[in-house]
Amino acid sequence: MNAQNLPASREFINSVLHPHAELAVDLLCMVRSLSTSDPTHRFQIAALIVFLSGVDKALNLALQLIYLADRVEWRWLMGGRKLEPGVIECYPGLTAKLKKLHSLGLDLTELQWIVDLRNEYIHSCRIYAGYGVGIDHGDKPILQASGPKVSFSGQPLVALGPADIQTYAGHLTDHLGRFLDGIKWQTAWALLEEQLGHLPINPEPEYSQMMDGSAEEIYSLIVSLNERYIGEGLQRLRERKQEE
């Protein structure tokens, strides 16, 4: 993506979020009733999962742009992982992303309750062995150990419809777009593009080795070049920028 043709922040975020929001709306339109006796109620949790996947990706993009603008740390972005040089990704979970943006001055916590619903449905499963309150044969309360028992969450039913998804998507796009405009990520993008343009073309000995190399060998050469000139988290390029 050329720096001269960069989209506005809002459009950039919307390009990632919109396909997911659109599919979520389509799924919610298939829900005829929120009663568990109607099998179409299951499309609601599917819609929430799809929508939050789009939110997650949009926040990934935003936080990567924020990293380019020197507003978030590489260590936080990686969450203890290690990437090949030349690649930027964002590994913390959705709740961690919302908290990080809140610490940077952007409050998107209106989404947290939907995230919690999704997480409960996806992750909640436990085994319990221990005391509980029951009723004995004489209808008296009794404290008695029992188990082990497995419990997990069912599909949540909430008053969310297509219009609500569109509203949340619009708010997220607007708020995130304005925030990104404020950090001037476009300047950092243009500088990165300029620095990449100054790197050598057909550097040796990698260029000669590439001619007769296998696909695996060529890949290793690319990684080696990126280690030399780019660095993990673009660190070598960022150090070169500071020296200038």
C-alpha atoms as a PDB file:
ATOM      1  CA  MET A   1       0.000   0.000   0.000  1.00  0.00           C
ATOM      2  CA  ASN A   2       1.647   3.210  -1.208  1.00  0.00           C
ATOM      3  CA  ALA A   3       1.915   6.055   1.305  1.00  0.00           C
ATOM      4  CA  GLN A   4       0.431   8.457  -1.246  1.00  0.00           C
ATOM      5  CA  ASN A   5      -2.707   6.324  -1.518  1.00  0.00           C
ATOM      6  CA  LEU A   6      -3.321   5.506   2.125  1.00  0.00           C
ATOM      7  CA  PRO A   7      -6.993   5.408   3.140  1.00  0.00           C
ATOM      8  CA  ALA A   8      -8.368   7.584   5.897  1.00  0.00           C
ATOM      9  CA  SER A   9      -8.144   5.946   9.324  1.00  0.00           C
ATOM     10  CA  ARG A  10     -11.892   5.343   9.458  1.00  0.00           C
ATOM     11  CA  GLU A  11     -11.901   3.686   6.031  1.00  0.00           C
ATOM     12  CA  PHE A  12      -8.897   1.545   6.953  1.00  0.00           C
ATOM     13  CA  ILE A  13     -10.616   0.218  10.081  1.00  0.00           C
ATOM     14  CA  ASN A  14     -13.926  -0.218   8.291  1.00  0.00           C
ATOM     15  CA  SER A  15     -12.294  -2.311   5.551  1.00  0.00           C
ATOM     16  CA  VAL A  16     -11.374  -4.880   8.210  1.00  0.00           C
ATOM     17  CA  LEU A  17     -14.487  -4.671  10.376  1.00  0.00           C
ATOM     18  CA  HIS A  18     -17.275  -4.295   7.799  1.00  0.00           C
ATOM     19  CA  PRO A  19     -17.235  -7.832   6.288  1.00  0.00           C
ATOM     20  CA  HIS A  20     -17.609  -9.335   9.760  1.00  0.00           C
ATOM     21  CA  ALA A  21     -20.292  -6.880  10.843  1.00  0.00           C
ATOM     22  CA  GLU A  22     -22.197  -7.528   7.612  1.00  0.00           C
ATOM     23  CA  LEU A  23     -22.120 -11.296   8.129  1.00  0.00           C
ATOM     24  CA  ALA A  24     -23.170 -10.874  11.786  1.00  0.00           C
ATOM     25  CA  VAL A  25     -26.156  -8.799  10.682  1.00  0.00           C
ATOM     26  CA  ASP A  26     -27.129 -11.459   8.131  1.00  0.00           C
ATOM     27  CA  LEU A  27     -26.966 -14.149  10.816  1.00  0.00           C
ATOM     28  CA  LEU A  28     -29.081 -12.126  13.232  1.00  0.00           C
ATOM     29  CA  CYS A  29     -31.684 -11.604  10.511  1.00  0.00           C
ATOM     30  CA  MET A  30     -32.083 -15.392  10.470  1.00  0.00           C
ATOM     31  CA  VAL A  31     -33.141 -15.476  14.142  1.00  0.00           C
ATOM     32  CA  ARG A  32     -36.923 -15.878  14.294  1.00  0.00           C
ATOM     33  CA  SER A  33     -37.177 -16.158  18.066  1.00  0.00           C
ATOM     34  CA  LEU A  34     -34.893 -16.031  21.115  1.00  0.00           C
ATOM     35  CA  SER A  35     -36.766 -18.968  22.615  1.00  0.00           C
ATOM     36  CA  THR A  36     -34.648 -22.073  23.062  1.00  0.00           C
ATOM     37  CA  SER A  37     -37.503 -24.035  21.521  1.00  0.00           C
ATOM     38  CA  ASP A  38     -36.711 -22.318  18.202  1.00  0.00           C
ATOM     39  CA  PRO A  39     -33.433 -23.624  16.717  1.00  0.00           C
ATOM     40  CA  THR A  40     -32.805 -20.308  14.925  1.00  0.00           C
ATOM     41  CA  HIS A  41     -31.845 -18.730  18.270  1.00  0.00           C
ATOM     42  CA  ARG A  42     -28.439 -20.362  17.778  1.00  0.00           C
ATOM     43  CA  PHE A  43     -27.628 -17.905  15.002  1.00  0.00           C
ATOM     44  CA  GLN A  44     -27.338 -15.155  17.630  1.00  0.00           C
ATOM     45  CA  ILE A  45     -24.213 -16.524  19.331  1.00  0.00           C
ATOM     46  CA  ALA A  46     -22.759 -17.283  15.890  1.00  0.00           C
ATOM     47  CA  ALA A  47     -23.371 -13.637  14.959  1.00  0.00           C
ATOM     48  CA  LEU A  48     -21.670 -12.366  18.127  1.00  0.00           C
ATOM     49  CA  ILE A  49     -18.623 -14.574  17.534  1.00  0.00           C
ATOM     50  CA  VAL A  50     -18.331 -13.385  13.932  1.00  0.00           C
ATOM     51  CA  PHE A  51     -18.750  -9.737  14.880  1.00  0.00           C
ATOM     52  CA  LEU A  52     -16.162  -9.885  17.663  1.00  0.00           C
ATOM     53  CA  SER A  53     -13.742 -11.592  15.269  1.00  0.00           C
ATOM     54  CA  GLY A  54     -13.991  -8.458  13.166  1.00  0.00           C
ATOM     55  CA  VAL A  55     -13.556  -6.244  16.229  1.00  0.00           C
ATOM     56  CA  ASP A  56     -10.468  -8.249  17.197  1.00  0.00           C
ATOM     57  CA  LYS A  57      -8.940  -7.835  13.737  1.00  0.00           C
ATOM     58  CA  ALA A  58      -9.751  -4.112  13.654  1.00  0.00           C
ATOM     59  CA  LEU A  59      -8.043  -3.618  17.023  1.00  0.00           C
ATOM     60  CA  ASN A  60      -5.084  -5.685  15.814  1.00  0.00           C
ATOM     61  CA  LEU A  61      -4.646  -3.319  12.887  1.00  0.00           C
ATOM     62  CA  ALA A  62      -5.099  -0.254  15.086  1.00  0.00           C
ATOM     63  CA  LEU A  63      -2.521  -1.377  17.643  1.00  0.00           C
ATOM     64  CA  GLN A  64      -0.018  -2.240  14.915  1.00  0.00           C
ATOM     65  CA  LEU A  65      -0.423   1.277  13.507  1.00  0.00           C
ATOM     66  CA  ILE A  66      -0.063   2.671  17.020  1.00  0.00           C
ATOM     67  CA  TYR A  67       3.173   0.695  17.348  1.00  0.00           C
ATOM     68  CA  LEU A  68       4.497   2.278  14.144  1.00  0.00           C
ATOM     69  CA  ALA A  69       3.742   5.655  15.728  1.00  0.00           C
ATOM     70  CA  ASP A  70       5.794   4.688  18.834  1.00  0.00           C
ATOM     71  CA  ARG A  71       2.814   4.673  21.194  1.00  0.00           C
ATOM     72  CA  VAL A  72       2.831   1.007  22.279  1.00  0.00           C
ATOM     73  CA  GLU A  73       5.675  -1.313  23.269  1.00  0.00           C
ATOM     74  CA  TRP A  74       6.846  -4.233  21.136  1.00  0.00           C
ATOM     75  CA  ARG A  75       7.028  -6.482  24.209  1.00  0.00           C
ATOM     76  CA  TRP A  76       3.340  -5.873  24.951  1.00  0.00           C
ATOM     77  CA  LEU A  77       2.363  -6.358  21.321  1.00  0.00           C
ATOM     78  CA  MET A  78       4.070  -9.768  21.202  1.00  0.00           C
ATOM     79  CA  GLY A  79       2.817 -11.058  24.538  1.00  0.00           C
ATOM     80  CA  GLY A  80       6.046 -13.009  25.074  1.00  0.00           C
ATOM     81  CA  ARG A  81       6.151 -14.496  21.585  1.00  0.00           C
ATOM     82  CA  LYS A  82       8.853 -14.061  18.958  1.00  0.00           C
ATOM     83  CA  LEU A  83       8.226 -13.193  15.322  1.00  0.00           C
ATOM     84  CA  GLU A  84      10.373 -13.361  12.241  1.00  0.00           C
ATOM     85  CA  PRO A  85      11.956 -10.027  11.294  1.00  0.00           C
ATOM     86  CA  GLY A  86       9.804  -7.801   9.105  1.00  0.00           C
ATOM     87  CA  VAL A  87       6.467  -8.928  10.586  1.00  0.00           C
ATOM     88  CA  ILE A  88       4.210  -6.982  12.955  1.00  0.00           C
ATOM     89  CA  GLU A  89       1.314  -8.735  14.664  1.00  0.00           C
ATOM     90  CA  CYS A  90      -0.679  -8.226  17.849  1.00  0.00           C
ATOM     91  CA  TYR A  91      -1.097 -11.206  20.166  1.00  0.00           C
ATOM     92  CA  PRO A  92      -2.862 -10.059  23.376  1.00  0.00           C
ATOM     93  CA  GLY A  93      -6.506 -11.082  23.687  1.00  0.00           C
ATOM     94  CA  LEU A  94      -9.491  -8.880  22.962  1.00  0.00           C
ATOM     95  CA  THR A  95      -9.990  -7.780  26.569  1.00  0.00           C
ATOM     96  CA  ALA A  96      -6.286  -6.922  26.861  1.00  0.00           C
ATOM     97  CA  LYS A  97      -6.538  -4.856  23.666  1.00  0.00           C
ATOM     98  CA  LEU A  98      -9.505  -2.910  25.040  1.00  0.00           C
ATOM     99  CA  LYS A  99      -7.622  -2.237  28.281  1.00  0.00           C
ATOM    100  CA  LYS A 100      -4.489  -1.098  26.430  1.00  0.00           C
ATOM    101  CA  LEU A 101      -6.478   1.315  24.265  1.00  0.00           C
ATOM    102  CA  HIS A 102      -8.225   2.614  27.390  1.00  0.00           C
ATOM    103  CA  SER A 103      -4.811   3.311  28.958  1.00  0.00           C
ATOM    104  CA  LEU A 104      -3.899   5.258  25.803  1.00  0.00           C
ATOM    105  CA  GLY A 105      -7.019   7.397  26.093  1.00  0.00           C
ATOM    106  CA  LEU A 106      -9.573   5.537  23.964  1.00  0.00           C
ATOM    107  CA  ASP A 107     -12.548   4.084  25.853  1.00  0.00           C
ATOM    108  CA  LEU A 108     -14.176   1.203  23.971  1.00  0.00           C
ATOM    109  CA  THR A 109     -15.341  -0.652  27.063  1.00  0.00           C
ATOM    110  CA  GLU A 110     -18.965  -0.546  25.855  1.00  0.00           C
ATOM    111  CA  LEU A 111     -18.004  -3.733  24.010  1.00  0.00           C
ATOM    112  CA  GLN A 112     -16.737  -5.557  27.096  1.00  0.00           C
ATOM    113  CA  TRP A 113     -20.043  -7.178  28.063  1.00  0.00           C
ATOM    114  CA  ILE A 114     -20.353  -8.763  24.602  1.00  0.00           C
ATOM    115  CA  VAL A 115     -16.750  -9.964  24.851  1.00  0.00           C
ATOM    116  CA  ASP A 116     -17.507 -11.516  28.250  1.00  0.00           C
ATOM    117  CA  LEU A 117     -20.545 -13.326  26.826  1.00  0.00           C
ATOM    118  CA  ARG A 118     -18.499 -14.668  23.954  1.00  0.00           C
ATOM    119  CA  ASN A 119     -15.651 -15.757  26.207  1.00  0.00           C
ATOM    120  CA  GLU A 120     -18.012 -17.522  28.619  1.00  0.00           C
ATOM    121  CA  TYR A 121     -19.600 -19.468  25.776  1.00  0.00           C
ATOM    122  CA  ILE A 122     -16.295 -20.379  24.093  1.00  0.00           C
ATOM    123  CA  HIS A 123     -14.079 -21.109  27.092  1.00  0.00           C
ATOM    124  CA  SER A 124     -16.233 -22.003  30.095  1.00  0.00           C
ATOM    125  CA  CYS A 125     -15.973 -25.677  31.044  1.00  0.00           C
ATOM    126  CA  ARG A 126     -15.039 -27.005  34.467  1.00  0.00           C
ATOM    127  CA  ILE A 127     -15.040 -30.036  36.713  1.00  0.00           C
ATOM    128  CA  TYR A 128     -16.206 -29.598  40.291  1.00  0.00           C
ATOM    129  CA  ALA A 129     -15.794 -32.031  43.176  1.00  0.00           C
ATOM    130  CA  GLY A 130     -16.742 -30.793  46.631  1.00  0.00           C
ATOM    131  CA  TYR A 131     -19.426 -29.617  48.971  1.00  0.00           C
ATOM    132  CA  GLY A 132     -22.755 -28.223  47.936  1.00  0.00           C
ATOM    133  CA  VAL A 133     -26.177 -27.514  49.384  1.00  0.00           C
ATOM    134  CA  GLY A 134     -28.853 -30.099  48.713  1.00  0.00           C
ATOM    135  CA  ILE A 135     -32.165 -31.341  50.115  1.00  0.00           C
ATOM    136  CA  ASP A 136     -32.423 -34.572  52.086  1.00  0.00           C
ATOM    137  CA  HIS A 137     -35.365 -36.984  51.959  1.00  0.00           C
ATOM    138  CA  GLY A 138     -37.116 -34.984  54.666  1.00  0.00           C
ATOM    139  CA  ASP A 139     -36.929 -31.803  52.596  1.00  0.00           C
ATOM    140  CA  LYS A 140     -34.283 -30.347  54.902  1.00  0.00           C
ATOM    141  CA  PRO A 141     -31.162 -28.546  53.636  1.00  0.00           C
ATOM    142  CA  ILE A 142     -28.069 -30.700  53.692  1.00  0.00           C
ATOM    143  CA  LEU A 143     -24.397 -29.951  53.161  1.00  0.00           C
ATOM    144  CA  GLN A 144     -22.874 -32.855  51.295  1.00  0.00           C
ATOM    145  CA  ALA A 145     -19.838 -33.518  49.144  1.00  0.00           C
ATOM    146  CA  SER A 146     -20.518 -34.838  45.667  1.00  0.00           C
ATOM    147  CA  GLY A 147     -19.036 -35.034  42.206  1.00  0.00           C
ATOM    148  CA  PRO A 148     -17.024 -34.898  40.168  1.00  0.00           C
ATOM    149  CA  LYS A 149     -19.394 -33.028  37.821  1.00  0.00           C
ATOM    150  CA  VAL A 150     -18.779 -31.283  34.514  1.00  0.00           C
ATOM    151  CA  SER A 151     -20.480 -27.963  33.785  1.00  0.00           C
ATOM    152  CA  PHE A 152     -20.247 -25.647  30.794  1.00  0.00           C
ATOM    153  CA  SER A 153     -22.130 -22.612  29.564  1.00  0.00           C
ATOM    154  CA  GLY A 154     -24.953 -22.799  27.066  1.00  0.00           C
ATOM    155  CA  GLN A 155     -25.764 -20.369  24.314  1.00  0.00           C
ATOM    156  CA  PRO A 156     -26.508 -16.901  25.724  1.00  0.00           C
ATOM    157  CA  LEU A 157     -29.738 -15.181  24.713  1.00  0.00           C
ATOM    158  CA  VAL A 158     -29.562 -11.381  24.739  1.00  0.00           C
ATOM    159  CA  ALA A 159     -31.606  -8.552  23.286  1.00  0.00           C
ATOM    160  CA  LEU A 160     -29.213  -7.797  20.422  1.00  0.00           C
ATOM    161  CA  GLY A 161     -30.474  -7.411  16.882  1.00  0.00           C
ATOM    162  CA  PRO A 162     -29.087  -6.362  13.496  1.00  0.00           C
ATOM    163  CA  ALA A 163     -29.446  -2.640  14.250  1.00  0.00           C
ATOM    164  CA  ASP A 164     -27.417  -3.035  17.461  1.00  0.00           C
ATOM    165  CA  ILE A 165     -24.513  -4.640  15.602  1.00  0.00           C
ATOM    166  CA  GLN A 166     -24.554  -1.831  13.055  1.00  0.00           C
ATOM    167  CA  THR A 167     -24.542   0.734  15.867  1.00  0.00           C
ATOM    168  CA  TYR A 168     -21.621  -0.901  17.675  1.00  0.00           C
ATOM    169  CA  ALA A 169     -19.688  -1.215  14.410  1.00  0.00           C
ATOM    170  CA  GLY A 170     -20.305   2.425  13.567  1.00  0.00           C
ATOM    171  CA  HIS A 171     -19.222   3.642  17.006  1.00  0.00           C
ATOM    172  CA  LEU A 172     -16.072   1.537  16.924  1.00  0.00           C
ATOM    173  CA  THR A 173     -15.128   2.732  13.443  1.00  0.00           C
ATOM    174  CA  ASP A 174     -15.721   6.397  14.304  1.00  0.00           C
ATOM    175  CA  HIS A 175     -13.953   6.397  17.682  1.00  0.00           C
ATOM    176  CA  LEU A 176     -11.003   4.314  16.517  1.00  0.00           C
ATOM    177  CA  GLY A 177     -10.668   6.338  13.315  1.00  0.00           C
ATOM    178  CA  ARG A 178     -10.518   9.649  15.206  1.00  0.00           C
ATOM    179  CA  PHE A 179      -8.002   8.240  17.665  1.00  0.00           C
ATOM    180  CA  LEU A 180      -5.730   6.981  14.884  1.00  0.00           C
ATOM    181  CA  ASP A 181      -5.929  10.320  13.093  1.00  0.00           C
ATOM    182  CA  GLY A 182      -4.634  11.921  16.269  1.00  0.00           C
ATOM    183  CA  ILE A 183      -1.453   9.825  16.421  1.00  0.00           C
ATOM    184  CA  LYS A 184      -0.562  10.535  12.763  1.00  0.00           C
ATOM    185  CA  TRP A 185       0.260   6.941  11.855  1.00  0.00           C
ATOM    186  CA  GLN A 186       0.357   7.974   8.182  1.00  0.00           C
ATOM    187  CA  THR A 187       3.599   9.878   8.819  1.00  0.00           C
ATOM    188  CA  ALA A 188       5.191   6.792  10.364  1.00  0.00           C
ATOM    189  CA  TRP A 189       3.967   4.664   7.435  1.00  0.00           C
ATOM    190  CA  ALA A 190       5.459   7.068   4.867  1.00  0.00           C
ATOM    191  CA  LEU A 191       8.789   7.140   6.707  1.00  0.00           C
ATOM    192  CA  LEU A 192       8.873   3.341   6.842  1.00  0.00           C
ATOM    193  CA  GLU A 193       8.206   3.188   3.107  1.00  0.00           C
ATOM    194  CA  GLU A 194      10.986   5.701   2.475  1.00  0.00           C
ATOM    195  CA  GLN A 195      13.485   3.731   4.563  1.00  0.00           C
ATOM    196  CA  LEU A 196      12.607   0.492   2.762  1.00  0.00           C
ATOM    197  CA  GLY A 197      13.196   2.265  -0.548  1.00  0.00           C
ATOM    198  CA  HIS A 198      16.765   3.072   0.515  1.00  0.00           C
ATOM    199  CA  LEU A 199      17.719  -0.548   1.197  1.00  0.00           C
ATOM    200  CA  PRO A 200      19.969  -2.252  -1.366  1.00  0.00           C
ATOM    201  CA  ILE A 201      18.469  -4.063  -4.343  1.00  0.00           C
ATOM    202  CA  ASN A 202      19.821  -7.555  -5.128  1.00  0.00           C
ATOM    203  CA  PRO A 203      22.201  -7.599  -2.141  1.00  0.00           C
ATOM    204  CA  GLU A 204      25.058 -10.087  -2.291  1.00  0.00           C
ATOM    205  CA  PRO A 205      25.734 -12.862  -1.605  1.00  0.00           C
ATOM    206  CA  GLU A 206      22.006 -13.576  -1.173  1.00  0.00           C
ATOM    207  CA  TYR A 207      21.105 -12.583  -4.727  1.00  0.00           C
ATOM    208  CA  SER A 208      23.556 -15.046  -6.303  1.00  0.00           C
ATOM    209  CA  GLN A 209      22.592 -17.789  -3.862  1.00  0.00           C
ATOM    210  CA  MET A 210      18.928 -17.300  -4.730  1.00  0.00           C
ATOM    211  CA  MET A 211      19.453 -18.173  -8.397  1.00  0.00           C
ATOM    212  CA  ASP A 212      20.018 -21.877  -7.779  1.00  0.00           C
ATOM    213  CA  GLY A 213      18.316 -22.224  -4.433  1.00  0.00           C
ATOM    214  CA  SER A 214      15.332 -24.349  -3.502  1.00  0.00           C
ATOM    215  CA  ALA A 215      12.153 -22.788  -2.170  1.00  0.00           C
ATOM    216  CA  GLU A 216      13.276 -23.525   1.391  1.00  0.00           C
ATOM    217  CA  GLU A 217      16.707 -22.020   0.779  1.00  0.00           C
ATOM    218  CA  ILE A 218      15.218 -18.887  -0.786  1.00  0.00           C
ATOM    219  CA  TYR A 219      12.926 -18.484   2.212  1.00  0.00           C
ATOM    220  CA  SER A 220      15.933 -18.747   4.548  1.00  0.00           C
ATOM    221  CA  LEU A 221      17.731 -16.103   2.493  1.00  0.00           C
ATOM    222  CA  ILE A 222      14.777 -13.744   2.823  1.00  0.00           C
ATOM    223  CA  VAL A 223      14.711 -14.251   6.596  1.00  0.00           C
ATOM    224  CA  SER A 224      18.469 -13.610   6.733  1.00  0.00           C
ATOM    225  CA  LEU A 225      18.130 -10.375   4.763  1.00  0.00           C
ATOM    226  CA  ASN A 226      15.310  -9.195   6.997  1.00  0.00           C
ATOM    227  CA  GLU A 227      17.394  -9.965  10.061  1.00  0.00           C
ATOM    228  CA  ARG A 228      20.232  -7.875   8.635  1.00  0.00           C
ATOM    229  CA  TYR A 229      18.259  -4.885   7.417  1.00  0.00           C
ATOM    230  CA  ILE A 230      14.837  -4.903   9.080  1.00  0.00           C
ATOM    231  CA  GLY A 231      15.038  -6.612  12.461  1.00  0.00           C
ATOM    232  CA  GLU A 232      12.359  -8.031  14.728  1.00  0.00           C
ATOM    233  CA  GLY A 233       9.624  -5.464  15.140  1.00  0.00           C
ATOM    234  CA  LEU A 234      11.355  -3.425  12.404  1.00  0.00           C
ATOM    235  CA  GLN A 235      13.905  -2.557  15.083  1.00  0.00           C
ATOM    236  CA  ARG A 236      16.878  -2.042  12.745  1.00  0.00           C
ATOM    237  CA  LEU A 237      14.867   0.366  10.625  1.00  0.00           C
ATOM    238  CA  ARG A 238      13.672   2.173  13.755  1.00  0.00           C
ATOM    239  CA  GLU A 239      17.258   2.464  15.045  1.00  0.00           C
ATOM    240  CA  ARG A 240      18.328   3.867  11.687  1.00  0.00           C
ATOM    241  CA  LYS A 241      15.536   6.454  11.913  1.00  0.00           C
ATOM    242  CA  GLN A 242      16.770   7.545  15.361  1.00  0.00           C
ATOM    243  CA  GLU A 243      20.353   7.880  14.087  1.00  0.00           C
ATOM    244  CA  GLU A 244      19.148  10.155  11.312  1.00  0.00           C
END
